[in-house]
N, C-alpha and C. Protein backbone atom coordinates (compact mmCIF):
# COMPACT_ATOMS: atom_id res chain seq x y z
N MET A 1 106.18 126.08 90.58
CA MET A 1 104.90 126.73 90.00
C MET A 1 104.16 126.00 89.28
N ARG A 2 104.83 125.39 88.23
CA ARG A 2 103.86 124.67 87.18
C ARG A 2 103.04 123.50 88.14
N PHE A 3 103.70 122.80 89.25
CA PHE A 3 103.02 121.82 89.52
C PHE A 3 101.68 122.41 90.52
N LYS A 4 101.97 123.57 90.99
CA LYS A 4 100.83 124.21 91.66
C LYS A 4 99.57 124.49 90.63
N LEU A 5 100.11 125.16 89.34
CA LEU A 5 99.00 125.36 88.46
C LEU A 5 98.17 124.14 87.92
N ILE A 6 98.97 123.01 87.74
CA ILE A 6 98.46 121.71 87.30
C ILE A 6 97.45 121.27 88.55
N LYS A 7 98.07 121.49 89.85
CA LYS A 7 96.97 121.02 90.93
C LYS A 7 95.89 121.77 91.03
N MET A 8 96.13 123.13 90.87
CA MET A 8 94.76 124.13 90.67
C MET A 8 93.89 123.58 89.78
N ASN A 9 94.35 123.40 88.85
CA ASN A 9 93.35 123.00 87.68
C ASN A 9 92.64 121.74 87.74
N GLU A 10 93.35 120.55 88.49
CA GLU A 10 92.59 119.45 88.96
C GLU A 10 91.62 119.38 89.88
N ASP A 11 92.09 120.40 90.86
CA ASP A 11 91.04 120.82 91.80
C ASP A 11 89.52 121.30 91.24
N LEU A 12 89.79 122.43 90.36
CA LEU A 12 88.86 122.77 89.75
C LEU A 12 88.08 122.12 88.68
N LYS A 13 88.76 120.77 88.29
CA LYS A 13 87.95 119.97 87.52
C LYS A 13 87.08 119.00 88.45
N HIS A 14 87.74 118.46 89.44
CA HIS A 14 87.14 117.61 90.36
C HIS A 14 85.74 118.53 91.08
N LYS A 15 85.79 120.08 91.18
CA LYS A 15 84.72 120.65 91.62
C LYS A 15 83.61 120.68 90.67
N ASP A 16 83.97 120.93 89.57
CA ASP A 16 83.13 121.08 88.24
C ASP A 16 82.34 119.71 88.18
N GLU A 17 83.26 118.58 88.37
CA GLU A 17 82.54 117.32 87.99
C GLU A 17 81.50 117.08 89.32
N MET A 18 81.88 117.62 90.61
CA MET A 18 80.87 117.15 91.56
C MET A 18 79.69 118.12 91.60
N LEU A 19 79.89 119.03 90.77
CA LEU A 19 78.74 120.05 90.85
C LEU A 19 77.69 119.50 89.75
N VAL A 20 78.14 118.85 88.56
CA VAL A 20 77.54 118.24 87.76
C VAL A 20 76.81 116.97 88.30
N TYR A 21 77.80 116.17 89.03
CA TYR A 21 77.16 115.04 89.76
C TYR A 21 75.78 115.36 90.83
N GLU A 22 75.97 116.26 91.39
CA GLU A 22 75.27 116.80 92.34
C GLU A 22 73.79 117.24 91.86
N SER A 23 73.99 117.99 90.57
CA SER A 23 73.06 118.40 89.87
C SER A 23 72.19 117.32 89.16
N LYS A 24 72.82 116.12 88.73
CA LYS A 24 72.26 114.91 88.19
C LYS A 24 71.44 114.15 89.33
N LEU A 25 71.88 114.38 90.70
CA LEU A 25 71.14 113.80 91.80
C LEU A 25 69.94 114.28 91.89
N GLU A 26 70.06 115.65 91.82
CA GLU A 26 68.84 116.45 92.33
C GLU A 26 67.88 116.59 90.93
N SER A 27 68.25 116.32 89.85
CA SER A 27 67.19 116.24 88.62
C SER A 27 66.72 115.03 88.14
N SER A 28 67.25 113.62 88.43
CA SER A 28 66.90 112.44 88.13
C SER A 28 66.51 111.54 89.16
N PHE A 29 65.49 111.08 89.24
CA PHE A 29 65.37 109.95 90.24
C PHE A 29 66.02 108.44 89.63
N ASP A 30 65.77 108.45 88.40
CA ASP A 30 66.43 107.12 87.61
C ASP A 30 68.33 107.24 87.76
N PHE A 31 68.78 108.60 87.95
CA PHE A 31 70.08 108.31 88.15
C PHE A 31 70.49 108.11 89.69
N VAL A 32 69.49 108.41 90.55
CA VAL A 32 69.64 108.14 91.83
C VAL A 32 69.65 106.53 92.15
N LEU A 33 68.49 105.93 91.50
CA LEU A 33 68.42 104.68 91.68
C LEU A 33 69.71 103.78 91.03
N SER A 34 70.10 104.32 89.93
CA SER A 34 71.58 103.93 89.42
C SER A 34 72.55 103.91 90.25
N GLU A 35 72.64 104.93 90.75
CA GLU A 35 73.83 105.31 92.00
C GLU A 35 73.70 104.27 93.04
N ALA A 36 72.26 104.21 93.46
CA ALA A 36 72.01 103.29 94.81
C ALA A 36 72.38 101.79 94.30
N GLY A 37 72.22 101.43 93.17
CA GLY A 37 72.52 100.01 92.54
C GLY A 37 73.71 99.64 92.80
N GLN A 38 74.54 100.74 91.90
CA GLN A 38 76.00 100.48 92.26
C GLN A 38 76.75 100.58 93.49
N LEU A 39 76.16 101.42 94.40
CA LEU A 39 76.43 101.73 95.95
C LEU A 39 76.35 100.30 96.59
N TYR A 40 75.39 99.69 96.31
CA TYR A 40 75.00 98.27 97.15
C TYR A 40 75.76 97.34 96.49
N GLN A 41 76.39 97.14 95.28
CA GLN A 41 77.02 96.37 94.58
C GLN A 41 78.38 96.47 95.13
N GLY A 42 78.90 97.53 95.70
CA GLY A 42 80.35 97.97 96.06
C GLY A 42 81.05 98.62 94.92
N GLN A 43 80.22 99.32 94.38
CA GLN A 43 80.85 99.88 92.96
C GLN A 43 80.49 101.47 93.14
N GLY A 44 80.69 102.30 91.82
CA GLY A 44 80.21 103.35 92.17
C GLY A 44 81.16 104.74 92.37
N ARG A 45 80.82 105.64 92.38
CA ARG A 45 81.51 107.01 92.70
C ARG A 45 82.08 107.24 94.26
N LEU A 46 80.97 106.74 95.19
CA LEU A 46 81.12 106.67 96.49
C LEU A 46 82.45 105.91 96.89
N ARG A 47 82.04 104.35 96.33
CA ARG A 47 83.02 103.58 96.75
C ARG A 47 84.63 103.83 96.24
N LYS A 48 84.67 104.58 94.79
CA LYS A 48 85.77 104.96 94.56
C LYS A 48 86.60 105.99 95.44
N THR A 49 85.62 106.96 95.76
CA THR A 49 86.05 108.10 96.83
C THR A 49 86.42 107.40 97.98
N TYR A 50 85.86 106.38 98.66
CA TYR A 50 86.35 106.06 99.84
C TYR A 50 87.59 105.33 99.74
N GLU A 51 87.62 104.69 98.78
CA GLU A 51 88.82 103.77 98.59
C GLU A 51 90.29 104.92 98.39
N ARG A 52 89.87 105.87 97.72
CA ARG A 52 91.09 106.91 97.20
C ARG A 52 91.35 107.41 98.74
N LEU A 53 90.51 107.98 99.49
CA LEU A 53 90.51 108.70 100.71
C LEU A 53 91.35 107.55 101.93
N ALA A 54 90.85 106.20 101.77
CA ALA A 54 91.45 105.58 102.60
C ALA A 54 93.08 105.23 102.71
N ARG A 55 93.19 105.25 101.08
CA ARG A 55 94.82 105.21 100.70
C ARG A 55 95.42 106.15 101.06
N ARG A 56 94.71 107.34 100.72
CA ARG A 56 95.60 108.74 101.20
C ARG A 56 95.94 108.61 102.81
N LEU A 57 94.59 108.26 103.57
CA LEU A 57 94.92 108.61 104.97
C LEU A 57 95.92 107.64 105.69
N ASP A 58 95.69 106.26 104.83
CA ASP A 58 96.85 105.33 105.51
C ASP A 58 98.47 105.81 105.25
N LYS A 59 98.51 106.21 103.73
CA LYS A 59 99.70 106.64 103.58
C LYS A 59 100.09 107.71 104.42
N LEU A 60 99.32 108.60 104.97
CA LEU A 60 99.58 109.97 105.76
C LEU A 60 99.73 109.46 107.18
N GLY A 61 99.37 108.29 107.45
CA GLY A 61 99.54 107.76 108.97
C GLY A 61 98.32 108.16 110.17
N VAL A 62 97.50 108.52 109.30
CA VAL A 62 96.06 109.12 110.10
C VAL A 62 95.49 107.96 110.51
N SER A 63 94.90 107.97 112.03
CA SER A 63 94.17 106.93 112.22
C SER A 63 92.71 107.62 112.14
N TYR A 64 91.97 106.38 111.53
CA TYR A 64 90.68 106.84 111.32
C TYR A 64 89.67 105.53 111.43
N SER A 65 88.34 105.95 111.37
CA SER A 65 87.12 104.97 111.47
C SER A 65 85.97 105.48 110.60
N LEU A 66 85.68 104.49 109.68
CA LEU A 66 84.45 104.84 108.94
C LEU A 66 83.45 104.71 109.68
N VAL A 67 82.27 105.69 109.97
CA VAL A 67 81.14 106.09 110.87
C VAL A 67 79.83 106.48 109.78
N GLY A 68 78.75 106.06 110.31
CA GLY A 68 77.64 106.63 109.54
C GLY A 68 77.17 105.73 108.43
N GLY A 69 76.24 106.77 107.47
CA GLY A 69 75.48 105.59 106.57
C GLY A 69 76.46 104.67 105.82
N TYR A 70 77.64 105.41 105.17
CA TYR A 70 78.26 104.37 104.41
C TYR A 70 78.73 103.12 105.27
N ALA A 71 79.33 103.38 106.57
CA ALA A 71 79.60 102.19 106.97
C ALA A 71 78.51 101.08 107.30
N LEU A 72 77.20 101.62 107.60
CA LEU A 72 76.13 100.69 107.51
C LEU A 72 75.90 100.03 106.35
N ILE A 73 76.35 100.62 105.27
CA ILE A 73 76.00 99.97 103.91
C ILE A 73 77.07 99.00 103.86
N LEU A 74 78.46 99.02 104.33
CA LEU A 74 79.33 97.93 104.10
C LEU A 74 79.02 96.69 105.03
N HIS A 75 78.26 97.04 106.26
CA HIS A 75 77.82 96.15 107.14
C HIS A 75 76.38 95.37 106.65
N GLY A 76 75.90 95.78 105.34
CA GLY A 76 74.76 95.07 104.90
C GLY A 76 73.54 95.71 105.04
N VAL A 77 73.34 96.89 105.55
CA VAL A 77 72.47 97.60 105.97
C VAL A 77 71.86 98.50 104.64
N ARG A 78 70.61 98.22 104.14
CA ARG A 78 70.11 98.73 102.81
C ARG A 78 69.52 100.54 103.23
N ARG A 79 70.49 101.22 102.93
CA ARG A 79 70.42 102.74 102.87
C ARG A 79 70.97 103.59 101.86
N PHE A 80 70.69 104.68 101.65
CA PHE A 80 71.30 105.43 100.84
C PHE A 80 72.07 106.49 101.21
N THR A 81 73.06 106.95 100.83
CA THR A 81 73.96 107.89 101.57
C THR A 81 74.52 108.57 100.15
N GLU A 82 75.12 109.93 100.50
CA GLU A 82 75.88 110.79 99.21
C GLU A 82 77.30 111.03 99.80
N ASP A 83 77.38 110.85 101.28
CA ASP A 83 78.77 111.26 101.83
C ASP A 83 79.39 110.13 102.36
N ILE A 84 80.52 110.38 102.98
CA ILE A 84 81.43 109.63 103.77
C ILE A 84 81.57 110.22 105.02
N ASP A 85 81.66 109.63 106.10
CA ASP A 85 81.72 110.14 107.64
C ASP A 85 82.76 109.31 108.23
N LEU A 86 83.82 110.16 108.64
CA LEU A 86 84.89 109.55 109.09
C LEU A 86 85.22 110.15 110.53
N LEU A 87 85.73 109.58 111.26
CA LEU A 87 86.19 109.93 112.82
C LEU A 87 87.71 109.74 112.59
N TYR A 88 88.46 110.56 112.90
CA TYR A 88 89.94 110.42 112.64
C TYR A 88 90.46 111.05 114.05
N SER A 89 91.64 110.75 114.10
CA SER A 89 92.56 111.09 115.20
C SER A 89 94.00 111.69 114.76
N ILE A 90 94.37 112.85 115.13
CA ILE A 90 96.00 112.99 115.02
C ILE A 90 96.45 113.34 116.33
N SER A 91 97.48 112.96 116.67
CA SER A 91 98.33 113.24 117.85
C SER A 91 99.41 114.05 117.56
N VAL A 92 99.75 115.05 118.52
CA VAL A 92 100.85 115.71 118.24
C VAL A 92 101.69 115.66 119.76
N THR A 93 103.38 115.31 119.84
CA THR A 93 103.79 115.10 120.66
C THR A 93 104.83 116.37 120.81
N TYR A 94 104.89 116.98 122.09
CA TYR A 94 105.82 117.60 122.09
C TYR A 94 107.04 117.35 123.22
N ASN A 95 108.09 117.80 123.01
CA ASN A 95 109.44 117.25 123.53
C ASN A 95 109.95 117.99 124.70
N VAL A 96 108.95 118.00 125.80
CA VAL A 96 109.27 118.66 127.11
C VAL A 96 109.07 117.67 128.27
N GLY A 97 109.80 118.12 129.56
CA GLY A 97 109.91 117.15 130.29
C GLY A 97 111.25 117.53 131.40
N SER A 98 111.34 116.66 132.04
CA SER A 98 112.48 116.76 133.26
C SER A 98 113.97 116.70 132.37
N ARG A 99 114.08 116.03 131.30
CA ARG A 99 115.40 116.11 130.62
C ARG A 99 115.63 117.34 130.37
N ASP A 100 114.88 118.16 130.17
CA ASP A 100 115.07 119.64 129.72
C ASP A 100 115.38 120.44 130.89
N GLU A 101 115.05 120.26 131.77
CA GLU A 101 115.19 120.96 133.18
C GLU A 101 116.34 120.79 133.89
N ARG A 102 116.50 121.80 134.78
CA ARG A 102 117.83 121.67 135.33
C ARG A 102 117.49 120.83 136.75
N ASP A 103 118.55 120.37 137.38
CA ASP A 103 118.47 119.30 138.63
C ASP A 103 117.20 120.06 139.63
N GLY A 104 116.64 118.68 140.11
CA GLY A 104 115.55 119.23 141.09
C GLY A 104 114.22 119.69 140.62
N ARG A 105 113.85 119.73 139.23
CA ARG A 105 112.59 120.20 138.58
C ARG A 105 112.10 119.02 137.88
N THR A 106 110.76 118.99 137.73
CA THR A 106 110.19 117.92 136.98
C THR A 106 109.86 118.40 135.51
N GLY A 107 109.53 119.49 135.06
CA GLY A 107 109.17 119.96 133.73
C GLY A 107 107.72 119.89 133.71
N PHE A 108 106.84 119.16 134.54
CA PHE A 108 105.74 119.02 134.42
C PHE A 108 104.87 120.38 134.66
N ALA A 109 105.36 121.21 135.60
CA ALA A 109 104.59 122.59 135.79
C ALA A 109 105.01 123.77 134.89
N HIS A 110 105.92 123.48 134.07
CA HIS A 110 106.25 124.49 133.07
C HIS A 110 105.95 124.54 131.66
N LEU A 111 104.75 123.99 131.39
CA LEU A 111 104.40 123.87 129.96
C LEU A 111 103.76 125.06 129.74
């Protein structure tokens, strides 16, 4: 139970940090320019978030591709984005088939 409470507190802290960050983006053009500068240098919050997300997906064995604005930035296109777009795939395998059927049956028509 203690772990769940700690995790919930961390989630709330991240949510609060995100709201403060979004508020800064909306209220200060200088802050937007600062973030863009860090983004183009391969630094900043978006870069750290992408690296953390990529590590987590790799650890979970999820197949993914980076798409959208951030992918373009990593390929040298100058643009600003506030998000990370991913295309991901999860496969599920069911153990059904002829080995589970009685003789003379294929298993394919019985899903």
